[in-house]
Amino acid sequence: MDNYATHKKAEVRGWLAANPRIHVHFTPTSGSWLNLVEVWFGIIERQAIHRGSFSSVKDLNAKIRAFIDGWNDRCHPFVWTKTADEILKKANRQTTSNTVH
């Protein structure tokens, strides 16, 4: 989990206390590489799950496993495509107009 404040709420803490099998692990501040995990889950959702029709959980699991097996057969690492300087330059660029909507 990457939002510590949310998990301090009494309702959440109560639910976690009532469900001791659930263990919360927080994303480290320096763990931006974990965002690529979200990218991968987005890929599997779009390519294997979205708009799918599954007759059972077993069927869904089989579809996910088949996707993972195919992915692993042709796998390649995720790579950051921009340097930190390129990202900061874009994030800090000035607007080109003052259009009010």
Protein backbone atom coordinates (compact mmCIF):
# COMPACT_ATOMS: atom_id res chain seq x y z
CA MET A 1 0.00 0.00 0.00
CA ASP A 2 1.25 3.44 -0.76
CA ASN A 3 -1.04 5.68 1.27
CA TYR A 4 -0.18 5.41 4.94
CA ALA A 5 -2.68 8.04 6.15
CA THR A 6 -5.70 6.15 4.79
CA HIS A 7 -4.78 3.08 6.78
CA LYS A 8 -4.70 5.02 10.04
CA LYS A 9 -8.49 5.49 9.94
CA ALA A 10 -10.36 3.78 12.77
CA GLU A 11 -12.58 1.84 10.35
CA VAL A 12 -9.62 0.44 8.44
CA ARG A 13 -7.65 -0.38 11.59
CA GLY A 14 -10.73 -2.11 13.00
CA TRP A 15 -11.22 -4.16 9.85
CA LEU A 16 -7.55 -5.16 9.83
CA ALA A 17 -7.78 -6.16 13.50
CA ALA A 18 -10.82 -8.32 12.71
CA ASN A 19 -8.98 -9.95 9.79
CA PRO A 20 -5.61 -11.04 11.21
CA ARG A 21 -4.74 -13.05 8.10
CA ILE A 22 -4.32 -9.75 6.23
CA HIS A 23 -0.91 -8.12 6.61
CA VAL A 24 -0.33 -4.60 5.35
CA HIS A 25 2.97 -3.74 3.71
CA PHE A 26 3.73 -0.18 2.74
CA THR A 27 5.57 0.89 -0.38
CA PRO A 28 8.89 2.52 0.53
CA THR A 29 9.26 6.18 -0.40
CA SER A 30 12.11 5.27 -2.73
CA GLY A 31 10.09 2.50 -4.39
CA SER A 32 9.03 4.33 -7.56
CA TRP A 33 10.18 1.29 -9.55
CA LEU A 34 7.10 -0.44 -8.16
CA ASN A 35 5.02 1.76 -10.46
CA LEU A 36 6.14 -0.58 -13.23
CA VAL A 37 4.31 -3.37 -11.43
CA GLU A 38 1.13 -1.32 -11.91
CA VAL A 39 1.98 -1.00 -15.60
CA TRP A 40 2.23 -4.79 -15.87
CA PHE A 41 -1.11 -5.28 -14.14
CA GLY A 42 -2.61 -2.77 -16.57
CA ILE A 43 -1.25 -4.78 -19.49
CA ILE A 44 -2.65 -8.07 -18.20
CA GLU A 45 -6.00 -6.44 -17.49
CA ARG A 46 -6.28 -4.96 -20.99
CA GLN A 47 -4.95 -7.96 -22.88
CA ALA A 48 -6.33 -10.92 -20.92
CA ILE A 49 -9.15 -9.90 -18.62
CA HIS A 50 -11.01 -6.83 -19.88
CA ARG A 51 -14.25 -7.70 -21.66
CA GLY A 52 -13.58 -11.37 -21.05
CA SER A 53 -16.28 -13.87 -20.28
CA PHE A 54 -15.34 -16.41 -17.65
CA SER A 55 -17.55 -19.27 -16.57
CA SER A 56 -15.76 -19.68 -13.23
CA VAL A 57 -12.88 -18.47 -11.10
CA LYS A 58 -10.97 -21.52 -12.35
CA ASP A 59 -11.57 -20.34 -15.92
CA LEU A 60 -10.34 -16.84 -15.08
CA ASN A 61 -7.25 -18.25 -13.36
CA ALA A 62 -6.50 -20.39 -16.42
CA LYS A 63 -6.74 -17.33 -18.68
CA ILE A 64 -4.39 -15.35 -16.43
CA ARG A 65 -1.93 -18.26 -16.24
CA ALA A 66 -1.95 -18.65 -20.04
CA PHE A 67 -1.23 -14.92 -20.40
CA ILE A 68 1.64 -15.10 -17.90
CA ASP A 69 3.12 -18.16 -19.63
CA GLY A 70 2.98 -16.40 -23.00
CA TRP A 71 4.44 -13.22 -21.50
CA ASN A 72 7.32 -15.17 -19.97
CA ASP A 73 8.08 -16.88 -23.30
CA ARG A 74 8.73 -13.49 -24.90
CA CYS A 75 9.64 -11.45 -21.83
CA HIS A 76 11.85 -8.41 -21.78
CA PRO A 77 12.61 -6.03 -18.94
CA PHE A 78 10.71 -2.82 -18.41
CA VAL A 79 13.07 0.09 -18.93
CA TRP A 80 12.70 3.74 -17.99
CA THR A 81 12.77 5.57 -21.31
CA LYS A 82 13.50 9.07 -20.04
CA THR A 83 16.19 10.45 -17.82
CA ALA A 84 15.33 12.31 -14.62
CA ASP A 85 16.35 15.56 -16.31
CA GLU A 86 13.95 14.94 -19.21
CA ILE A 87 11.10 14.22 -16.82
CA LEU A 88 11.79 17.31 -14.70
CA LYS A 89 12.11 19.53 -17.78
CA LYS A 90 8.65 18.48 -18.94
CA ALA A 91 7.15 18.73 -15.46
CA ASN A 92 8.49 22.25 -14.99
CA ARG A 93 7.79 23.67 -18.45
CA GLN A 94 5.86 26.91 -18.67
CA THR A 95 2.39 27.06 -20.14
CA THR A 96 2.12 28.44 -23.67
CA SER A 97 -1.20 30.21 -23.25
CA ASN A 98 -3.40 31.76 -20.61
CA THR A 99 -6.68 30.44 -21.98
CA VAL A 100 -9.41 30.54 -19.37
CA HIS A 101 -12.09 27.88 -19.66
